[in-house]
Amino acid sequence: MSSVASELKYFNELTILAMAEMQNPSDDFVRFFAKQAYSSVVTAKVLEQFTPLVKRVFAQIVNDQIAERLKSALKKETEAEEKNFRRLHLSRKAIRCLPMMEKV
């Protein structure tokens, strides 16, 4: 199997796994984050507390990334509209100046 095909296969598998963990985090997944954020022993009760937090954190990350992309796209669109408006405005000024130029 080629390197590109192999990478694509694993990329797809990892994407499926990551999406599954984001929707329904496993104890191991939650424990991984809890151990880094929680200063004491990660018990079943701690896992129970952290599971919805981990789920919300990943949902928030996705929402923030979507919002940032939308913001960036809207900014580009607004800039393009402003540029087109300036061109149109300058074109209209040029058209109004034509009769004056013919008199010269």
Protein backbone atom coordinates (compact mmCIF):
# COMPACT_ATOMS: atom_id res chain seq x y z
CA MET A 1 0.00 0.00 0.00
CA SER A 2 1.38 3.40 -0.91
CA SER A 3 2.33 5.91 1.75
CA VAL A 4 -0.44 8.31 0.67
CA ALA A 5 -3.10 5.59 0.69
CA SER A 6 -1.91 4.35 4.06
CA GLU A 7 -1.96 7.86 5.49
CA LEU A 8 -5.45 8.47 4.13
CA LYS A 9 -6.68 5.19 5.63
CA TYR A 10 -5.32 6.04 9.08
CA PHE A 11 -6.48 9.65 8.80
CA ASN A 12 -10.04 8.45 8.14
CA GLU A 13 -9.89 5.93 11.00
CA LEU A 14 -8.55 8.56 13.41
CA THR A 15 -11.23 11.02 12.31
CA ILE A 16 -13.95 8.46 13.08
CA LEU A 17 -12.39 7.69 16.47
CA ALA A 18 -12.00 11.38 17.38
CA MET A 19 -15.59 12.15 16.41
CA ALA A 20 -16.83 9.22 18.49
CA GLU A 21 -14.80 10.39 21.49
CA MET A 22 -16.12 13.94 21.11
CA GLN A 23 -19.72 12.74 21.05
CA ASN A 24 -19.41 10.09 23.75
CA PRO A 25 -16.04 10.35 25.54
CA SER A 26 -14.67 7.07 26.88
CA ASP A 27 -13.31 6.81 30.42
CA ASP A 28 -9.75 6.56 29.08
CA PHE A 29 -10.21 9.72 26.99
CA VAL A 30 -11.67 11.65 29.93
CA ARG A 31 -9.01 10.27 32.27
CA PHE A 32 -6.28 11.54 29.92
CA PHE A 33 -7.53 15.12 30.32
CA ALA A 34 -8.63 14.83 33.92
CA LYS A 35 -5.15 13.68 35.01
CA GLN A 36 -3.69 16.85 33.52
CA ALA A 37 -6.28 19.21 35.01
CA TYR A 38 -7.14 17.54 38.30
CA SER A 39 -4.52 17.57 41.03
CA SER A 40 -5.73 14.51 42.94
CA VAL A 41 -6.48 10.88 42.11
CA VAL A 42 -8.92 10.43 39.24
CA THR A 43 -11.67 8.31 40.72
CA ALA A 44 -14.93 7.11 39.17
CA LYS A 45 -16.66 10.14 40.71
CA VAL A 46 -14.09 12.48 39.15
CA LEU A 47 -14.58 10.78 35.77
CA GLU A 48 -18.32 11.26 36.16
CA GLN A 49 -17.72 14.95 36.84
CA PHE A 50 -15.24 15.44 33.99
CA THR A 51 -17.07 13.50 31.25
CA PRO A 52 -19.65 16.22 30.45
CA LEU A 53 -16.92 18.87 30.81
CA VAL A 54 -14.69 17.15 28.26
CA LYS A 55 -17.66 16.78 25.91
CA ARG A 56 -18.52 20.50 26.28
CA VAL A 57 -14.90 21.56 25.81
CA PHE A 58 -14.62 19.76 22.48
CA ALA A 59 -18.00 21.07 21.33
CA GLN A 60 -16.85 24.59 22.23
CA ILE A 61 -13.58 24.16 20.34
CA VAL A 62 -15.48 23.10 17.22
CA ASN A 63 -17.95 25.99 17.61
CA ASP A 64 -15.11 28.48 18.05
CA GLN A 65 -13.35 27.21 14.93
CA ILE A 66 -16.56 27.44 12.90
CA ALA A 67 -17.22 30.96 14.19
CA GLU A 68 -13.66 32.02 13.34
CA ARG A 69 -13.96 30.65 9.80
CA LEU A 70 -17.30 32.38 9.31
CA LYS A 71 -15.88 35.62 10.67
CA SER A 72 -12.91 35.36 8.32
CA ALA A 73 -15.14 34.58 5.33
CA LEU A 74 -17.47 37.48 6.14
CA LYS A 75 -14.50 39.83 6.50
CA LYS A 76 -13.19 38.81 3.07
CA GLU A 77 -16.65 39.22 1.57
CA THR A 78 -17.07 42.66 3.16
CA GLU A 79 -13.65 43.76 1.94
CA ALA A 80 -14.49 42.60 -1.59
CA GLU A 81 -17.82 44.45 -1.49
CA GLU A 82 -16.11 47.63 -0.28
CA LYS A 83 -13.52 47.35 -3.04
CA ASN A 84 -16.25 46.88 -5.65
CA PHE A 85 -18.19 49.84 -4.21
CA ARG A 86 -15.10 52.08 -4.45
CA ARG A 87 -14.57 50.99 -8.07
CA LEU A 88 -18.20 51.68 -8.91
CA HIS A 89 -18.06 55.05 -7.15
CA LEU A 90 -14.90 56.03 -9.05
CA SER A 91 -16.45 54.83 -12.33
CA ARG A 92 -19.51 57.02 -11.76
CA LYS A 93 -17.27 60.01 -11.01
CA ALA A 94 -15.37 59.37 -14.24
CA ILE A 95 -18.63 59.16 -16.22
CA ARG A 96 -19.82 62.48 -14.73
CA CYS A 97 -16.52 64.09 -15.70
CA LEU A 98 -16.80 63.04 -19.37
CA PRO A 99 -19.01 65.96 -20.46
CA MET A 100 -16.54 68.38 -18.84
CA MET A 101 -13.64 66.72 -20.62
CA GLU A 102 -15.38 67.06 -24.02
CA LYS A 103 -15.57 70.83 -23.55
CA VAL A 104 -11.79 71.07 -23.19
